[in-house]
Amino acid sequence: MRVTVFGATGKVGRLIVDRLLADGHQVVAFARNPAKLHRVGPNLTVVAGELSDTAAVTQAVTGSDAVISALGPSLKRSMPAGPLTAGTRTIVAAMDAAGVNRFIGLATPSLADPRDARHWKHTVLPFMARLAFPNALIELQGMTGTVTDSGLDYTIARITNPTDKPATGRIRAGFLGHDTIGSAMSRADIAAFLTGQLTDTRYSRSMPAISN
């Protein structure tokens, strides 16, 4: 497959790129600063640009079979909400124009999926986020709503506590109140789950919670 990765220079994004390349995929990495990617190879194409650059985003998406987004809002209170939501709108519009339908991304259990049952995380996590990271929560809601309100075939994995521990290969996925899902998960396992969704249709148009 040919896969476009947004957020390719982040901690999870770089692991996604590595995993895709190891699995033999063609990868298009979108990066504001390509020098931060520190990856080269015959199956890797790097497109430099801002998410506000419609032409660059369209270039990155055109010809791909799927998009994986490792974009996530900053937890700095000083960072305004809005840029990533606007950038996600640009990505979705570019995918629609290019006929790319598969979107795989990230969120947190601060946002509920209709398949969830009642769970303490639905109350505690949004409350904590509104107190500590209000702009990040607004941004996350905007990014996620942009995708879920579209006609894309999406899977958005909800993570709580990403860590830099080694990959375990043990991945729990499901819906709050129904399945046993923890909180911590290594970024390597997050990358493995996201890339696995390229061929796994179980979570089509849903937001599973995932953990180790």
Protein backbone atom coordinates (compact mmCIF):
# COMPACT_ATOMS: atom_id res chain seq x y z
CA MET A 1 0.00 0.00 0.00
CA ARG A 2 0.88 3.64 -0.33
CA VAL A 3 0.22 5.37 3.00
CA THR A 4 0.45 9.05 3.90
CA VAL A 5 1.50 9.80 7.48
CA PHE A 6 0.73 13.13 9.14
CA GLY A 7 2.60 13.96 12.34
CA ALA A 8 5.45 11.87 10.94
CA THR A 9 8.18 13.54 13.01
CA GLY A 10 6.48 12.99 16.39
CA LYS A 11 7.23 10.19 18.82
CA VAL A 12 4.44 7.97 17.52
CA GLY A 13 4.70 9.22 13.96
CA ARG A 14 8.31 8.14 13.51
CA LEU A 15 7.44 4.67 14.81
CA ILE A 16 4.54 4.48 12.36
CA VAL A 17 6.85 5.38 9.48
CA ASP A 18 9.37 2.75 10.59
CA ARG A 19 6.68 0.08 10.92
CA LEU A 20 5.20 0.82 7.52
CA LEU A 21 8.60 0.73 5.83
CA ALA A 22 9.50 -2.53 7.57
CA ASP A 23 6.24 -4.02 6.29
CA GLY A 24 7.10 -3.04 2.72
CA HIS A 25 4.66 -0.17 2.25
CA GLN A 26 5.28 2.98 0.23
CA VAL A 27 5.26 5.85 2.72
CA VAL A 28 4.60 9.54 2.19
CA ALA A 29 5.65 11.44 5.30
CA PHE A 30 4.22 14.94 5.70
CA ALA A 31 6.43 17.12 7.84
CA ARG A 32 6.77 20.80 8.64
CA ASN A 33 10.49 20.20 9.23
CA PRO A 34 11.64 17.12 7.26
CA ALA A 35 15.08 17.22 8.91
CA LYS A 36 13.45 15.99 12.13
CA LEU A 37 12.37 12.74 10.49
CA HIS A 38 15.92 11.30 10.28
CA ARG A 39 14.77 8.62 7.84
CA VAL A 40 15.63 7.93 4.21
CA GLY A 41 14.92 5.09 1.82
CA PRO A 42 13.62 4.17 -1.61
CA ASN A 43 10.08 3.61 -0.29
CA LEU A 44 9.94 6.91 1.61
CA THR A 45 8.79 10.20 0.12
CA VAL A 46 8.85 13.31 2.29
CA VAL A 47 6.52 16.22 1.60
CA ALA A 48 7.39 19.42 3.42
CA GLY A 49 4.66 21.82 4.39
CA GLU A 50 2.25 23.25 6.91
CA LEU A 51 -1.19 21.80 7.49
CA SER A 52 -2.56 25.14 6.31
CA ASP A 53 -0.91 24.59 2.91
CA THR A 54 -3.71 23.00 0.88
CA ALA A 55 -1.47 22.31 -2.11
CA ALA A 56 1.14 20.49 -0.02
CA VAL A 57 -1.48 18.44 1.85
CA THR A 58 -3.15 17.52 -1.44
CA GLN A 59 0.20 16.50 -2.90
CA ALA A 60 0.88 14.26 0.09
CA VAL A 61 -2.51 12.55 -0.07
CA THR A 62 -2.95 12.12 -3.82
CA GLY A 63 -2.27 8.56 -4.96
CA SER A 64 -2.31 7.04 -1.47
CA ASP A 65 -4.50 4.17 -0.33
CA ALA A 66 -4.85 5.43 3.24
CA VAL A 67 -3.90 8.19 5.66
CA ILE A 68 -2.56 7.63 9.17
CA SER A 69 -2.53 10.69 11.40
CA ALA A 70 -0.39 10.83 14.53
CA LEU A 71 -1.34 14.47 15.07
CA GLY A 72 -2.32 15.48 18.56
CA PRO A 73 -2.85 18.79 20.38
CA SER A 74 -0.17 20.37 22.53
CA LEU A 75 -0.74 20.15 26.28
CA LYS A 76 0.68 23.64 26.78
CA ARG A 77 -2.05 25.89 28.13
CA SER A 78 -0.62 28.78 26.13
CA MET A 79 -1.26 27.02 22.82
CA PRO A 80 -4.53 28.16 21.23
CA ALA A 81 -7.14 25.75 19.97
CA GLY A 82 -7.90 25.74 16.28
CA PRO A 83 -4.84 25.11 14.06
CA LEU A 84 -5.02 21.30 14.18
CA THR A 85 -8.78 21.32 13.70
CA ALA A 86 -8.34 23.50 10.64
CA GLY A 87 -5.51 21.25 9.47
CA THR A 88 -7.68 18.18 9.86
CA ARG A 89 -10.36 19.84 7.75
CA THR A 90 -7.72 20.40 5.08
CA ILE A 91 -6.69 16.74 5.23
CA VAL A 92 -10.28 15.49 4.99
CA ALA A 93 -11.03 17.80 2.07
CA ALA A 94 -7.86 16.67 0.29
CA MET A 95 -8.77 13.02 0.86
CA ASP A 96 -12.24 13.60 -0.56
CA ALA A 97 -10.82 15.35 -3.60
CA ALA A 98 -8.23 12.61 -4.19
CA GLY A 99 -10.66 9.73 -3.60
CA VAL A 100 -8.78 8.45 -0.54
CA ASN A 101 -11.29 6.98 1.92
CA ARG A 102 -9.35 5.28 4.74
CA PHE A 103 -8.35 7.43 7.72
CA ILE A 104 -6.64 6.13 10.86
CA GLY A 105 -5.93 8.47 13.75
CA LEU A 106 -5.69 9.11 17.47
CA ALA A 107 -7.81 10.59 20.25
CA THR A 108 -8.37 9.94 23.96
CA PRO A 109 -11.21 8.44 26.04
CA SER A 110 -12.18 12.02 26.91
CA LEU A 111 -14.31 11.53 23.82
CA ALA A 112 -16.98 8.83 23.82
CA ASP A 113 -17.87 6.32 21.14
CA PRO A 114 -21.55 5.37 20.70
CA ARG A 115 -20.56 1.75 21.39
CA ASP A 116 -19.30 2.60 24.88
CA ALA A 117 -21.35 1.85 27.97
CA ARG A 118 -21.21 4.10 31.03
CA HIS A 119 -17.67 4.36 32.37
CA TRP A 120 -15.83 6.54 34.88
CA LYS A 121 -13.42 7.76 32.18
CA HIS A 122 -16.30 9.55 30.45
CA THR A 123 -16.66 11.76 33.52
CA VAL A 124 -13.19 11.99 35.03
CA LEU A 125 -11.06 12.48 31.93
CA PRO A 126 -13.07 15.34 30.37
CA PHE A 127 -13.28 17.04 33.77
CA MET A 128 -9.51 16.80 34.25
CA ALA A 129 -8.85 17.92 30.69
CA ARG A 130 -11.11 20.97 31.01
CA LEU A 131 -9.20 22.00 34.13
CA ALA A 132 -5.65 21.26 33.04
CA PHE A 133 -5.69 21.34 29.22
CA PRO A 134 -8.82 23.21 28.09
CA ASN A 135 -7.48 24.26 24.69
CA ALA A 136 -6.16 20.76 23.98
CA LEU A 137 -9.58 19.28 24.70
CA ILE A 138 -11.29 21.78 22.41
CA GLU A 139 -8.76 21.01 19.69
CA LEU A 140 -9.19 17.26 20.12
CA GLN A 141 -12.97 17.57 19.91
CA GLY A 142 -12.67 19.65 16.75
CA MET A 143 -10.18 17.30 15.07
CA THR A 144 -12.17 14.20 15.89
CA GLY A 145 -15.54 15.69 14.96
CA THR A 146 -14.18 16.73 11.60
CA VAL A 147 -13.36 13.11 10.82
CA THR A 148 -16.38 11.40 12.36
CA ASP A 149 -18.78 13.82 10.66
CA SER A 150 -17.22 13.06 7.28
CA GLY A 151 -17.97 10.17 4.98
CA LEU A 152 -14.51 8.67 5.49
CA ASP A 153 -13.92 5.09 6.56
CA TYR A 154 -12.17 5.99 9.80
CA THR A 155 -10.70 4.24 12.82
CA ILE A 156 -9.67 6.55 15.66
CA ALA A 157 -7.77 4.83 18.47
CA ARG A 158 -8.30 6.36 21.92
CA ILE A 159 -5.23 6.28 24.14
CA THR A 160 -4.81 7.46 27.73
CA ASN A 161 -1.17 7.18 28.79
CA PRO A 162 1.44 6.61 26.05
CA THR A 163 4.85 5.49 27.29
CA ASP A 164 8.31 5.01 25.80
CA LYS A 165 8.58 1.42 27.03
CA PRO A 166 9.53 -1.30 24.51
CA ALA A 167 6.82 -2.94 22.44
CA THR A 168 5.07 -5.80 24.19
CA GLY A 169 2.92 -7.14 21.38
CA ARG A 170 0.03 -7.26 23.85
CA ILE A 171 -2.73 -4.97 22.65
CA ARG A 172 -6.19 -4.64 24.16
CA ALA A 173 -8.83 -2.90 22.09
CA GLY A 174 -12.54 -2.40 22.55
CA PHE A 175 -15.17 -0.12 24.01
CA LEU A 176 -15.42 1.33 27.49
CA GLY A 177 -17.86 -0.41 29.80
CA HIS A 178 -17.81 -3.54 27.66
CA ASP A 179 -14.17 -4.54 27.30
CA THR A 180 -11.28 -4.58 29.75
CA ILE A 181 -9.04 -1.73 28.65
CA GLY A 182 -6.25 -0.28 30.75
CA SER A 183 -4.59 3.11 30.51
CA ALA A 184 -0.87 2.74 29.72
CA MET A 185 0.42 1.71 26.31
CA SER A 186 3.84 1.85 24.70
CA ARG A 187 4.12 4.12 21.69
CA ALA A 188 5.58 1.20 19.74
CA ASP A 189 2.42 -0.82 20.37
CA ILE A 190 0.27 2.19 19.48
CA ALA A 191 2.09 2.36 16.14
CA ALA A 192 1.55 -1.37 15.65
CA PHE A 193 -2.18 -1.04 16.27
CA LEU A 194 -2.56 1.91 13.91
CA THR A 195 -0.68 0.27 11.05
CA GLY A 196 -2.64 -2.93 11.63
CA GLN A 197 -5.85 -1.05 10.90
CA LEU A 198 -4.84 -0.80 7.26
CA THR A 199 -6.16 -4.34 6.78
CA ASP A 200 -8.33 -4.83 9.89
CA THR A 201 -11.97 -3.84 9.36
CA ARG A 202 -13.29 -4.63 12.86
CA TYR A 203 -13.18 -1.01 13.95
CA SER A 204 -14.38 0.65 10.77
CA ARG A 205 -16.11 3.98 11.55
CA SER A 206 -15.52 3.61 15.28
CA MET A 207 -13.20 4.81 18.06
CA PRO A 208 -11.86 1.85 20.03
CA ALA A 209 -10.00 2.44 23.27
CA ILE A 210 -6.63 0.69 23.30
CA SER A 211 -4.00 -0.22 25.89
CA ASN A 212 -1.39 -2.86 26.72
